[in-house]
Amino acid sequence: MHELSIAEALLDTVTKWQRENGGTLLRLRVKAGRLAGIDPEALLYAWPMALEHAAPEISGCKLEVEMLPLSLRCAACGKIATTERLMLICPSCGEQALRRQGGRELMIQDIEVDHV
């Protein structure tokens, strides 16, 4: 399950952030593109395993994963279509000219912290 290595990489990132900024991490929200090869359920399952040896300031951090829709731009008409799956034909002009914009990203949206 490569989601465990993704969870560990996310944990490394937030651990560095926590060391620099302090506080107790409560929640980590991430966004992932549909083509990033991430199973959100598997990532949520792997998160507690990644936290097993985390510092006390991080060990209770909850993970939320939002899957982003695909964004496709038509090379013919310039319109952008968002969808849950790949399409070939532009819904606006009917041309077979759609080009993917993103879809493979994994980004931290925000970190909720308690600064007591």
PDB file of N, CA and C in Angstrom:
ATOM      1  N   MET A   1       0.858  -1.172   0.000  1.00  0.00           N
ATOM      2  CA  MET A   1       0.000   0.000   0.000  1.00  0.00           C
ATOM      3  C   MET A   1       0.904   1.235   0.000  1.00  0.00           C
ATOM      4  N   HIS A   2       0.951   1.944  -1.114  1.00  0.00           N
ATOM      5  CA  HIS A   2       1.811   3.125  -1.185  1.00  0.00           C
ATOM      6  C   HIS A   2       1.214   4.315  -0.445  1.00  0.00           C
ATOM      7  N   GLU A   3      -0.032   4.226  -0.033  1.00  0.00           N
ATOM      8  CA  GLU A   3      -0.640   5.302   0.753  1.00  0.00           C
ATOM      9  C   GLU A   3       0.056   5.473   2.098  1.00  0.00           C
ATOM     10  N   LEU A   4       0.655   4.403   2.637  1.00  0.00           N
ATOM     11  CA  LEU A   4       1.405   4.531   3.884  1.00  0.00           C
ATOM     12  C   LEU A   4       2.624   5.425   3.673  1.00  0.00           C
ATOM     13  N   SER A   5       3.313   5.275   2.552  1.00  0.00           N
ATOM     14  CA  SER A   5       4.465   6.145   2.290  1.00  0.00           C
ATOM     15  C   SER A   5       4.008   7.585   2.055  1.00  0.00           C
ATOM     16  N   ILE A   6       2.829   7.776   1.475  1.00  0.00           N
ATOM     17  CA  ILE A   6       2.284   9.130   1.308  1.00  0.00           C
ATOM     18  C   ILE A   6       1.936   9.711   2.675  1.00  0.00           C
ATOM     19  N   ALA A   7       1.316   8.914   3.529  1.00  0.00           N
ATOM     20  CA  ALA A   7       0.986   9.363   4.886  1.00  0.00           C
ATOM     21  C   ALA A   7       2.255   9.739   5.645  1.00  0.00           C
ATOM     22  N   GLU A   8       3.306   8.940   5.499  1.00  0.00           N
ATOM     23  CA  GLU A   8       4.572   9.240   6.173  1.00  0.00           C
ATOM     24  C   GLU A   8       5.202  10.521   5.635  1.00  0.00           C
ATOM     25  N   ALA A   9       5.091  10.743   4.341  1.00  0.00           N
ATOM     26  CA  ALA A   9       5.626  11.981   3.754  1.00  0.00           C
ATOM     27  C   ALA A   9       4.838  13.198   4.246  1.00  0.00           C
ATOM     28  N   LEU A  10       3.533  13.069   4.331  1.00  0.00           N
ATOM     29  CA  LEU A  10       2.717  14.154   4.888  1.00  0.00           C
ATOM     30  C   LEU A  10       3.100  14.406   6.341  1.00  0.00           C
ATOM     31  N   LEU A  11       3.302  13.332   7.089  1.00  0.00           N
ATOM     32  CA  LEU A  11       3.697  13.458   8.486  1.00  0.00           C
ATOM     33  C   LEU A  11       5.048  14.156   8.609  1.00  0.00           C
ATOM     34  N   ASP A  12       6.007  13.815   7.764  1.00  0.00           N
ATOM     35  CA  ASP A  12       7.312  14.496   7.778  1.00  0.00           C
ATOM     36  C   ASP A  12       7.144  15.994   7.558  1.00  0.00           C
ATOM     37  N   THR A  13       6.291  16.349   6.618  1.00  0.00           N
ATOM     38  CA  THR A  13       6.066  17.760   6.300  1.00  0.00           C
ATOM     39  C   THR A  13       5.446  18.505   7.479  1.00  0.00           C
ATOM     40  N   VAL A  14       4.414  17.935   8.079  1.00  0.00           N
ATOM     41  CA  VAL A  14       3.767  18.632   9.190  1.00  0.00           C
ATOM     42  C   VAL A  14       4.620  18.609  10.448  1.00  0.00           C
ATOM     43  N   THR A  15       5.462  17.591  10.597  1.00  0.00           N
ATOM     44  CA  THR A  15       6.384  17.551  11.738  1.00  0.00           C
ATOM     45  C   THR A  15       7.381  18.698  11.642  1.00  0.00           C
ATOM     46  N   LYS A  16       7.929  18.920  10.457  1.00  0.00           N
ATOM     47  CA  LYS A  16       8.847  20.055  10.259  1.00  0.00           C
ATOM     48  C   LYS A  16       8.129  21.376  10.524  1.00  0.00           C
ATOM     49  N   TRP A  17       6.901  21.480  10.040  1.00  0.00           N
ATOM     50  CA  TRP A  17       6.126  22.700  10.262  1.00  0.00           C
ATOM     51  C   TRP A  17       5.895  22.923  11.749  1.00  0.00           C
ATOM     52  N   GLN A  18       5.524  21.856  12.467  1.00  0.00           N
ATOM     53  CA  GLN A  18       5.232  21.962  13.894  1.00  0.00           C
ATOM     54  C   GLN A  18       6.474  22.360  14.674  1.00  0.00           C
ATOM     55  N   ARG A  19       7.631  21.831  14.318  1.00  0.00           N
ATOM     56  CA  ARG A  19       8.880  22.189  15.003  1.00  0.00           C
ATOM     57  C   ARG A  19       9.193  23.679  14.837  1.00  0.00           C
ATOM     58  N   GLU A  20       8.895  24.213  13.661  1.00  0.00           N
ATOM     59  CA  GLU A  20       9.179  25.626  13.387  1.00  0.00           C
ATOM     60  C   GLU A  20       8.145  26.561  13.998  1.00  0.00           C
ATOM     61  N   ASN A  21       6.891  26.117  14.106  1.00  0.00           N
ATOM     62  CA  ASN A  21       5.805  26.999  14.511  1.00  0.00           C
ATOM     63  C   ASN A  21       5.180  26.681  15.864  1.00  0.00           C
ATOM     64  N   GLY A  22       5.418  25.487  16.379  1.00  0.00           N
ATOM     65  CA  GLY A  22       4.866  25.104  17.670  1.00  0.00           C
ATOM     66  C   GLY A  22       3.398  24.757  17.615  1.00  0.00           C
ATOM     67  N   GLY A  23       2.832  24.501  18.788  1.00  0.00           N
ATOM     68  CA  GLY A  23       1.425  24.165  18.884  1.00  0.00           C
ATOM     69  C   GLY A  23       1.168  22.674  18.769  1.00  0.00           C
ATOM     70  N   THR A  24      -0.069  22.309  19.029  1.00  0.00           N
ATOM     71  CA  THR A  24      -0.515  20.924  18.904  1.00  0.00           C
ATOM     72  C   THR A  24      -1.364  20.822  17.644  1.00  0.00           C
ATOM     73  N   LEU A  25      -0.988  19.915  16.760  1.00  0.00           N
ATOM     74  CA  LEU A  25      -1.726  19.750  15.509  1.00  0.00           C
ATOM     75  C   LEU A  25      -3.012  18.978  15.764  1.00  0.00           C
ATOM     76  N   LEU A  26      -4.118  19.568  15.333  1.00  0.00           N
ATOM     77  CA  LEU A  26      -5.428  18.947  15.513  1.00  0.00           C
ATOM     78  C   LEU A  26      -5.943  18.285  14.240  1.00  0.00           C
ATOM     79  N   ARG A  27      -5.728  18.948  13.109  1.00  0.00           N
ATOM     80  CA  ARG A  27      -6.296  18.459  11.856  1.00  0.00           C
ATOM     81  C   ARG A  27      -5.407  18.878  10.685  1.00  0.00           C
ATOM     82  N   LEU A  28      -5.254  17.947   9.753  1.00  0.00           N
ATOM     83  CA  LEU A  28      -4.535  18.199   8.511  1.00  0.00           C
ATOM     84  C   LEU A  28      -5.506  17.953   7.369  1.00  0.00           C
ATOM     85  N   ARG A  29      -5.695  18.961   6.533  1.00  0.00           N
ATOM     86  CA  ARG A  29      -6.587  18.817   5.375  1.00  0.00           C
ATOM     87  C   ARG A  29      -5.743  18.831   4.106  1.00  0.00           C
ATOM     88  N   VAL A  30      -5.934  17.800   3.286  1.00  0.00           N
ATOM     89  CA  VAL A  30      -5.205  17.713   2.023  1.00  0.00           C
ATOM     90  C   VAL A  30      -6.186  17.600   0.867  1.00  0.00           C
ATOM     91  N   LYS A  31      -5.722  18.068  -0.287  1.00  0.00           N
ATOM     92  CA  LYS A  31      -6.485  17.918  -1.531  1.00  0.00           C
ATOM     93  C   LYS A  31      -5.654  17.076  -2.481  1.00  0.00           C
ATOM     94  N   ALA A  32      -6.324  16.165  -3.178  1.00  0.00           N
ATOM     95  CA  ALA A  32      -5.637  15.278  -4.114  1.00  0.00           C
ATOM     96  C   ALA A  32      -6.372  15.262  -5.445  1.00  0.00           C
ATOM     97  N   GLY A  33      -5.605  15.279  -6.509  1.00  0.00           N
ATOM     98  CA  GLY A  33      -6.183  15.188  -7.844  1.00  0.00           C
ATOM     99  C   GLY A  33      -6.644  13.766  -8.141  1.00  0.00           C
ATOM    100  N   ARG A  34      -7.628  13.657  -9.000  1.00  0.00           N
ATOM    101  CA  ARG A  34      -8.202  12.356  -9.357  1.00  0.00           C
ATOM    102  C   ARG A  34      -7.188  11.419 -10.003  1.00  0.00           C
ATOM    103  N   LEU A  35      -6.163  11.976 -10.620  1.00  0.00           N
ATOM    104  CA  LEU A  35      -5.178  11.146 -11.314  1.00  0.00           C
ATOM    105  C   LEU A  35      -3.890  10.976 -10.511  1.00  0.00           C
ATOM    106  N   ALA A  36      -3.918  11.349  -9.232  1.00  0.00           N
ATOM    107  CA  ALA A  36      -2.722  11.250  -8.383  1.00  0.00           C
ATOM    108  C   ALA A  36      -2.432   9.819  -7.948  1.00  0.00           C
ATOM    109  N   GLY A  37      -3.337   8.919  -8.213  1.00  0.00           N
ATOM    110  CA  GLY A  37      -3.127   7.524  -7.835  1.00  0.00           C
ATOM    111  C   GLY A  37      -3.281   7.284  -6.348  1.00  0.00           C
ATOM    112  N   ILE A  38      -4.117   8.087  -5.709  1.00  0.00           N
ATOM    113  CA  ILE A  38      -4.327   7.973  -4.269  1.00  0.00           C
ATOM    114  C   ILE A  38      -5.732   7.471  -3.999  1.00  0.00           C
ATOM    115  N   ASP A  39      -5.809   6.448  -3.183  1.00  0.00           N
ATOM    116  CA  ASP A  39      -7.100   5.961  -2.710  1.00  0.00           C
ATOM    117  C   ASP A  39      -7.346   6.662  -1.376  1.00  0.00           C
ATOM    118  N   PRO A  40      -8.318   7.579  -1.316  1.00  0.00           N
ATOM    119  CA  PRO A  40      -8.508   8.339  -0.080  1.00  0.00           C
ATOM    120  C   PRO A  40      -8.820   7.463   1.132  1.00  0.00           C
ATOM    121  N   GLU A  41      -9.562   6.383   0.948  1.00  0.00           N
ATOM    122  CA  GLU A  41      -9.866   5.494   2.063  1.00  0.00           C
ATOM    123  C   GLU A  41      -8.607   4.802   2.570  1.00  0.00           C
ATOM    124  N   ALA A  42      -7.740   4.382   1.663  1.00  0.00           N
ATOM    125  CA  ALA A  42      -6.484   3.741   2.059  1.00  0.00           C
ATOM    126  C   ALA A  42      -5.563   4.739   2.761  1.00  0.00           C
ATOM    127  N   LEU A  43      -5.564   5.991   2.302  1.00  0.00           N
ATOM    128  CA  LEU A  43      -4.751   7.020   2.947  1.00  0.00           C
ATOM    129  C   LEU A  43      -5.250   7.288   4.367  1.00  0.00           C
ATOM    130  N   LEU A  44      -6.563   7.372   4.534  1.00  0.00           N
ATOM    131  CA  LEU A  44      -7.139   7.564   5.870  1.00  0.00           C
ATOM    132  C   LEU A  44      -6.846   6.367   6.776  1.00  0.00           C
ATOM    133  N   TYR A  45      -6.811   5.187   6.209  1.00  0.00           N
ATOM    134  CA  TYR A  45      -6.492   3.975   6.958  1.00  0.00           C
ATOM    135  C   TYR A  45      -5.013   3.972   7.379  1.00  0.00           C
ATOM    136  N   ALA A  46      -4.139   4.465   6.507  1.00  0.00           N
ATOM    137  CA  ALA A  46      -2.701   4.460   6.762  1.00  0.00           C
ATOM    138  C   ALA A  46      -2.273   5.559   7.733  1.00  0.00           C
ATOM    139  N   TRP A  47      -3.042   6.630   7.826  1.00  0.00           N
ATOM    140  CA  TRP A  47      -2.663   7.770   8.652  1.00  0.00           C
ATOM    141  C   TRP A  47      -2.368   7.392  10.114  1.00  0.00           C
ATOM    142  N   PRO A  48      -3.239   6.645  10.806  1.00  0.00           N
ATOM    143  CA  PRO A  48      -2.924   6.275  12.190  1.00  0.00           C
ATOM    144  C   PRO A  48      -1.634   5.458  12.317  1.00  0.00           C
ATOM    145  N   MET A  49      -1.332   4.637  11.322  1.00  0.00           N
ATOM    146  CA  MET A  49      -0.088   3.863  11.345  1.00  0.00           C
ATOM    147  C   MET A  49       1.119   4.795  11.255  1.00  0.00           C
ATOM    148  N   ALA A  50       1.011   5.820  10.422  1.00  0.00           N
ATOM    149  CA  ALA A  50       2.101   6.790  10.297  1.00  0.00           C
ATOM    150  C   ALA A  50       2.291   7.563  11.595  1.00  0.00           C
ATOM    151  N   LEU A  51       1.202   7.796  12.317  1.00  0.00           N
ATOM    152  CA  LEU A  51       1.253   8.572  13.565  1.00  0.00           C
ATOM    153  C   LEU A  51       1.769   7.785  14.764  1.00  0.00           C
ATOM    154  N   GLU A  52       1.935   6.474  14.644  1.00  0.00           N
ATOM    155  CA  GLU A  52       2.297   5.634  15.786  1.00  0.00           C
ATOM    156  C   GLU A  52       3.522   6.135  16.551  1.00  0.00           C
ATOM    157  N   HIS A  53       4.514   6.668  15.859  1.00  0.00           N
ATOM    158  CA  HIS A  53       5.745   7.098  16.515  1.00  0.00           C
ATOM    159  C   HIS A  53       5.916   8.614  16.450  1.00  0.00           C
ATOM    160  N   ALA A  54       4.835   9.316  16.226  1.00  0.00           N
ATOM    161  CA  ALA A  54       4.892  10.779  16.127  1.00  0.00           C
ATOM    162  C   ALA A  54       5.007  11.402  17.510  1.00  0.00           C
ATOM    163  N   ALA A  55       5.499  12.625  17.539  1.00  0.00           N
ATOM    164  CA  ALA A  55       5.595  13.385  18.780  1.00  0.00           C
ATOM    165  C   ALA A  55       4.196  13.605  19.343  1.00  0.00           C
ATOM    166  N   PRO A  56       4.092  13.769  20.665  1.00  0.00           N
ATOM    167  CA  PRO A  56       2.775  13.978  21.290  1.00  0.00           C
ATOM    168  C   PRO A  56       2.001  15.164  20.706  1.00  0.00           C
ATOM    169  N   GLU A  57       2.704  16.192  20.232  1.00  0.00           N
ATOM    170  CA  GLU A  57       2.046  17.368  19.658  1.00  0.00           C
ATOM    171  C   GLU A  57       1.394  17.071  18.309  1.00  0.00           C
ATOM    172  N   ILE A  58       1.688  15.907  17.758  1.00  0.00           N
ATOM    173  CA  ILE A  58       1.179  15.557  16.434  1.00  0.00           C
ATOM    174  C   ILE A  58       0.327  14.282  16.470  1.00  0.00           C
ATOM    175  N   SER A  59       0.542  13.446  17.452  1.00  0.00           N
ATOM    176  CA  SER A  59      -0.038  12.101  17.456  1.00  0.00           C
ATOM    177  C   SER A  59      -1.570  12.060  17.418  1.00  0.00           C
ATOM    178  N   GLY A  60      -2.237  13.143  17.799  1.00  0.00           N
ATOM    179  CA  GLY A  60      -3.697  13.162  17.756  1.00  0.00           C
ATOM    180  C   GLY A  60      -4.269  13.849  16.530  1.00  0.00           C
ATOM    181  N   CYS A  61      -3.420  14.194  15.593  1.00  0.00           N
ATOM    182  CA  CYS A  61      -3.830  14.932  14.396  1.00  0.00           C
ATOM    183  C   CYS A  61      -4.746  14.081  13.513  1.00  0.00           C
ATOM    184  N   LYS A  62      -5.886  14.618  13.158  1.00  0.00           N
ATOM    185  CA  LYS A  62      -6.832  13.950  12.256  1.00  0.00           C
ATOM    186  C   LYS A  62      -6.520  14.354  10.820  1.00  0.00           C
ATOM    187  N   LEU A  63      -6.785  13.461   9.909  1.00  0.00           N
ATOM    188  CA  LEU A  63      -6.551  13.716   8.484  1.00  0.00           C
ATOM    189  C   LEU A  63      -7.877  13.789   7.753  1.00  0.00           C
ATOM    190  N   GLU A  64      -8.013  14.786   6.883  1.00  0.00           N
ATOM    191  CA  GLU A  64      -9.162  14.886   5.985  1.00  0.00           C
ATOM    192  C   GLU A  64      -8.630  14.967   4.559  1.00  0.00           C
ATOM    193  N   VAL A  65      -9.241  14.202   3.669  1.00  0.00           N
ATOM    194  CA  VAL A  65      -8.801  14.154   2.275  1.00  0.00           C
ATOM    195  C   VAL A  65      -9.956  14.576   1.379  1.00  0.00           C
ATOM    196  N   GLU A  66      -9.699  15.561   0.542  1.00  0.00           N
ATOM    197  CA  GLU A  66     -10.691  16.002  -0.452  1.00  0.00           C
ATOM    198  C   GLU A  66     -10.159  15.650  -1.835  1.00  0.00           C
ATOM    199  N   MET A  67     -10.941  14.900  -2.583  1.00  0.00           N
ATOM    200  CA  MET A  67     -10.560  14.566  -3.947  1.00  0.00           C
ATOM    201  C   MET A  67     -11.081  15.655  -4.879  1.00  0.00           C
ATOM    202  N   LEU A  68     -10.181  16.197  -5.684  1.00  0.00           N
ATOM    203  CA  LEU A  68     -10.534  17.276  -6.605  1.00  0.00           C
ATOM    204  C   LEU A  68     -11.086  16.718  -7.909  1.00  0.00           C
ATOM    205  N   PRO A  69     -12.051  17.389  -8.504  1.00  0.00           N
ATOM    206  CA  PRO A  69     -12.529  16.953  -9.817  1.00  0.00           C
ATOM    207  C   PRO A  69     -11.453  17.236 -10.864  1.00  0.00           C
ATOM    208  N   LEU A  70     -11.554  16.544 -11.973  1.00  0.00           N
ATOM    209  CA  LEU A  70     -10.647  16.812 -13.085  1.00  0.00           C
ATOM    210  C   LEU A  70     -11.020  18.138 -13.725  1.00  0.00           C
ATOM    211  N   SER A  71     -10.022  18.854 -14.155  1.00  0.00           N
ATOM    212  CA  SER A  71     -10.245  20.100 -14.867  1.00  0.00           C
ATOM    213  C   SER A  71      -9.663  19.928 -16.269  1.00  0.00           C
ATOM    214  N   LEU A  72     -10.506  20.130 -17.258  1.00  0.00           N
ATOM    215  CA  LEU A  72     -10.106  19.945 -18.656  1.00  0.00           C
ATOM    216  C   LEU A  72     -10.378  21.233 -19.426  1.00  0.00           C
ATOM    217  N   ARG A  73      -9.378  21.707 -20.174  1.00  0.00           N
ATOM    218  CA  ARG A  73      -9.545  22.907 -20.999  1.00  0.00           C
ATOM    219  C   ARG A  73      -9.635  22.491 -22.462  1.00  0.00           C
ATOM    220  N   CYS A  74     -10.585  23.083 -23.153  1.00  0.00           N
ATOM    221  CA  CYS A  74     -10.758  22.793 -24.575  1.00  0.00           C
ATOM    222  C   CYS A  74      -9.806  23.666 -25.379  1.00  0.00           C
ATOM    223  N   ALA A  75      -8.984  23.038 -26.196  1.00  0.00           N
ATOM    224  CA  ALA A  75      -8.053  23.772 -27.047  1.00  0.00           C
ATOM    225  C   ALA A  75      -8.788  24.502 -28.171  1.00  0.00           C
ATOM    226  N   ALA A  76     -10.012  24.077 -28.499  1.00  0.00           N
ATOM    227  CA  ALA A  76     -10.768  24.709 -29.578  1.00  0.00           C
ATOM    228  C   ALA A  76     -11.510  25.956 -29.103  1.00  0.00           C
ATOM    229  N   CYS A  77     -12.268  25.848 -28.023  1.00  0.00           N
ATOM    230  CA  CYS A  77     -13.101  26.988 -27.586  1.00  0.00           C
ATOM    231  C   CYS A  77     -12.586  27.672 -26.320  1.00  0.00           C
ATOM    232  N   GLY A  78     -11.628  27.052 -25.632  1.00  0.00           N
ATOM    233  CA  GLY A  78     -11.052  27.665 -24.438  1.00  0.00           C
ATOM    234  C   GLY A  78     -11.845  27.462 -23.159  1.00  0.00           C
ATOM    235  N   LYS A  79     -12.997  26.834 -23.237  1.00  0.00           N
ATOM    236  CA  LYS A  79     -13.819  26.605 -22.041  1.00  0.00           C
ATOM    237  C   LYS A  79     -13.164  25.549 -21.146  1.00  0.00           C
ATOM    238  N   ILE A  80     -13.459  25.639 -19.857  1.00  0.00           N
ATOM    239  CA  ILE A  80     -12.958  24.661 -18.892  1.00  0.00           C
ATOM    240  C   ILE A  80     -14.127  23.816 -18.416  1.00  0.00           C
ATOM    241  N   ALA A  81     -13.934  22.505 -18.434  1.00  0.00           N
ATOM    242  CA  ALA A  81     -14.937  21.562 -17.947  1.00  0.00           C
ATOM    243  C   ALA A  81     -14.362  20.855 -16.725  1.00  0.00           C
ATOM    244  N   THR A  82     -15.166  20.696 -15.698  1.00  0.00           N
ATOM    245  CA  THR A  82     -14.757  19.900 -14.551  1.00  0.00           C
ATOM    246  C   THR A  82     -15.618  18.651 -14.528  1.00  0.00           C
ATOM    247  N   THR A  83     -14.992  17.539 -14.194  1.00  0.00           N
ATOM    248  CA  THR A  83     -15.669  16.254 -14.252  1.00  0.00           C
ATOM    249  C   THR A  83     -15.030  15.291 -13.264  1.00  0.00           C
ATOM    250  N   GLU A  84     -15.692  14.206 -12.995  1.00  0.00           N
ATOM    251  CA  GLU A  84     -15.158  13.165 -12.112  1.00  0.00           C
ATOM    252  C   GLU A  84     -14.360  12.123 -12.896  1.00  0.00           C
ATOM    253  N   ARG A  85     -14.496  12.124 -14.214  1.00  0.00           N
ATOM    254  CA  ARG A  85     -13.765  11.146 -15.032  1.00  0.00           C
ATOM    255  C   ARG A  85     -13.294  11.803 -16.322  1.00  0.00           C
ATOM    256  N   LEU A  86     -12.341  11.177 -16.964  1.00  0.00           N
ATOM    257  CA  LEU A  86     -11.797  11.729 -18.201  1.00  0.00           C
ATOM    258  C   LEU A  86     -12.866  11.776 -19.287  1.00  0.00           C
ATOM    259  N   MET A  87     -12.820  12.835 -20.074  1.00  0.00           N
ATOM    260  CA  MET A  87     -13.720  12.986 -21.224  1.00  0.00           C
ATOM    261  C   MET A  87     -12.854  13.314 -22.431  1.00  0.00           C
ATOM    262  N   LEU A  88     -13.331  13.003 -23.608  1.00  0.00           N
ATOM    263  CA  LEU A  88     -12.609  13.328 -24.833  1.00  0.00           C
ATOM    264  C   LEU A  88     -13.253  14.491 -25.584  1.00  0.00           C
ATOM    265  N   ILE A  89     -14.557  14.621 -25.461  1.00  0.00           N
ATOM    266  CA  ILE A  89     -15.286  15.609 -26.257  1.00  0.00           C
ATOM    267  C   ILE A  89     -15.728  16.765 -25.363  1.00  0.00           C
ATOM    268  N   CYS A  90     -15.481  17.983 -25.821  1.00  0.00           N
ATOM    269  CA  CYS A  90     -15.837  19.181 -25.070  1.00  0.00           C
ATOM    270  C   CYS A  90     -17.358  19.293 -24.973  1.00  0.00           C
ATOM    271  N   PRO A  91     -17.891  19.450 -23.753  1.00  0.00           N
ATOM    272  CA  PRO A  91     -19.338  19.584 -23.615  1.00  0.00           C
ATOM    273  C   PRO A  91     -19.858  20.925 -24.136  1.00  0.00           C
ATOM    274  N   SER A  92     -18.978  21.898 -24.338  1.00  0.00           N
ATOM    275  CA  SER A  92     -19.412  23.212 -24.834  1.00  0.00           C
ATOM    276  C   SER A  92     -19.482  23.277 -26.350  1.00  0.00           C
ATOM    277  N   CYS A  93     -18.417  22.804 -27.016  1.00  0.00           N
ATOM    278  CA  CYS A  93     -18.381  22.961 -28.477  1.00  0.00           C
ATOM    279  C   CYS A  93     -18.423  21.651 -29.252  1.00  0.00           C
ATOM    280  N   GLY A  94     -18.268  20.521 -28.552  1.00  0.00           N
ATOM    281  CA  GLY A  94     -18.342  19.225 -29.219  1.00  0.00           C
ATOM    282  C   GLY A  94     -17.053  18.774 -29.881  1.00  0.00           C
ATOM    283  N   GLU A  95     -16.004  19.557 -29.802  1.00  0.00           N
ATOM    284  CA  GLU A  95     -14.720  19.185 -30.400  1.00  0.00           C
ATOM    285  C   GLU A  95     -13.990  18.185 -29.512  1.00  0.00           C
ATOM    286  N   GLN A  96     -13.169  17.369 -30.139  1.00  0.00           N
ATOM    287  CA  GLN A  96     -12.338  16.422 -29.401  1.00  0.00           C
ATOM    288  C   GLN A  96     -10.988  17.097 -29.153  1.00  0.00           C
ATOM    289  N   ALA A  97     -10.996  18.108 -28.264  1.00  0.00           N
ATOM    290  CA  ALA A  97      -9.806  18.929 -28.068  1.00  0.00           C
ATOM    291  C   ALA A  97      -9.543  19.224 -26.589  1.00  0.00           C
ATOM    292  N   LEU A  98     -10.016  18.365 -25.709  1.00  0.00           N
ATOM    293  CA  LEU A  98      -9.829  18.605 -24.275  1.00  0.00           C
ATOM    294  C   LEU A  98      -8.422  18.235 -23.835  1.00  0.00           C
ATOM    295  N   ARG A  99      -7.828  19.099 -23.007  1.00  0.00           N
ATOM    296  CA  ARG A  99      -6.492  18.880 -22.454  1.00  0.00           C
ATOM    297  C   ARG A  99      -6.600  18.955 -20.934  1.00  0.00           C
ATOM    298  N   ARG A 100      -5.990  18.004 -20.272  1.00  0.00           N
ATOM    299  CA  ARG A 100      -6.043  17.943 -18.815  1.00  0.00           C
ATOM    300  C   ARG A 100      -5.248  19.095 -18.207  1.00  0.00           C
ATOM    301  N   GLN A 101      -5.813  19.670 -17.138  1.00  0.00           N
ATOM    302  CA  GLN A 101      -5.123  20.680 -16.356  1.00  0.00           C
ATOM    303  C   GLN A 101      -4.988  20.114 -14.949  1.00  0.00           C
ATOM    304  N   GLY A 102      -3.801  19.776 -14.556  1.00  0.00           N
ATOM    305  CA  GLY A 102      -3.602  19.202 -13.231  1.00  0.00           C
ATOM    306  C   GLY A 102      -4.174  17.806 -13.148  1.00  0.00           C
ATOM    307  N   GLY A 103      -4.596  17.449 -11.940  1.00  0.00           N
ATOM    308  CA  GLY A 103      -5.174  16.128 -11.723  1.00  0.00           C
ATOM    309  C   GLY A 103      -4.265  15.187 -10.975  1.00  0.00           C
ATOM    310  N   ARG A 104      -2.969  15.502 -10.918  1.00  0.00           N
ATOM    311  CA  ARG A 104      -2.012  14.632 -10.228  1.00  0.00           C
ATOM    312  C   ARG A 104      -1.479  15.264  -8.944  1.00  0.00           C
ATOM    313  N   GLU A 105      -2.070  16.379  -8.553  1.00  0.00           N
ATOM    314  CA  GLU A 105      -1.556  17.117  -7.404  1.00  0.00           C
ATOM    315  C   GLU A 105      -1.947  16.472  -6.077  1.00  0.00           C
ATOM    316  N   LEU A 106      -1.114  16.701  -5.085  1.00  0.00           N
ATOM    317  CA  LEU A 106      -1.409  16.391  -3.696  1.00  0.00           C
ATOM    318  C   LEU A 106      -0.879  17.572  -2.918  1.00  0.00           C
ATOM    319  N   MET A 107      -1.776  18.302  -2.272  1.00  0.00           N
ATOM    320  CA  MET A 107      -1.345  19.514  -1.575  1.00  0.00           C
ATOM    321  C   MET A 107      -2.016  19.632  -0.221  1.00  0.00           C
ATOM    322  N   ILE A 108      -1.280  20.226   0.681  1.00  0.00           N
ATOM    323  CA  ILE A 108      -1.838  20.509   1.991  1.00  0.00           C
ATOM    324  C   ILE A 108      -2.693  21.758   1.866  1.00  0.00           C
ATOM    325  N   GLN A 109      -3.956  21.628   2.220  1.00  0.00           N
ATOM    326  CA  GLN A 109      -4.869  22.771   2.179  1.00  0.00           C
ATOM    327  C   GLN A 109      -4.664  23.632   3.411  1.00  0.00           C
ATOM    328  N   ASP A 110      -4.722  23.015   4.587  1.00  0.00           N
ATOM    329  CA  ASP A 110      -4.465  23.758   5.820  1.00  0.00           C
ATOM    330  C   ASP A 110      -4.182  22.797   6.967  1.00  0.00           C
ATOM    331  N   ILE A 111      -3.642  23.380   8.032  1.00  0.00           N
ATOM    332  CA  ILE A 111      -3.328  22.662   9.249  1.00  0.00           C
ATOM    333  C   ILE A 111      -4.033  23.388  10.384  1.00  0.00           C
ATOM    334  N   GLU A 112      -4.839  22.675  11.129  1.00  0.00           N
ATOM    335  CA  GLU A 112      -5.508  23.270  12.283  1.00  0.00           C
ATOM    336  C   GLU A 112      -4.637  23.004  13.511  1.00  0.00           C
ATOM    337  N   VAL A 113      -4.312  24.080  14.241  1.00  0.00           N
ATOM    338  CA  VAL A 113      -3.373  23.994  15.349  1.00  0.00           C
ATOM    339  C   VAL A 113      -3.978  24.622  16.595  1.00  0.00           C
ATOM    340  N   ASP A 114      -3.665  24.032  17.736  1.00  0.00           N
ATOM    341  CA  ASP A 114      -4.038  24.607  19.026  1.00  0.00           C
ATOM    342  C   ASP A 114      -2.768  25.190  19.642  1.00  0.00           C
ATOM    343  N   HIS A 115      -2.732  26.518  19.776  1.00  0.00           N
ATOM    344  CA  HIS A 115      -1.573  27.190  20.372  1.00  0.00           C
ATOM    345  C   HIS A 115      -1.910  27.543  21.823  1.00  0.00           C
ATOM    346  N   VAL A 116      -1.781  26.586  22.697  1.00  0.00           N
ATOM    347  CA  VAL A 116      -2.084  26.824  24.114  1.00  0.00           C
ATOM    348  C   VAL A 116      -0.860  27.328  24.818  1.00  0.00           C
TER     349      VAL A 116
END
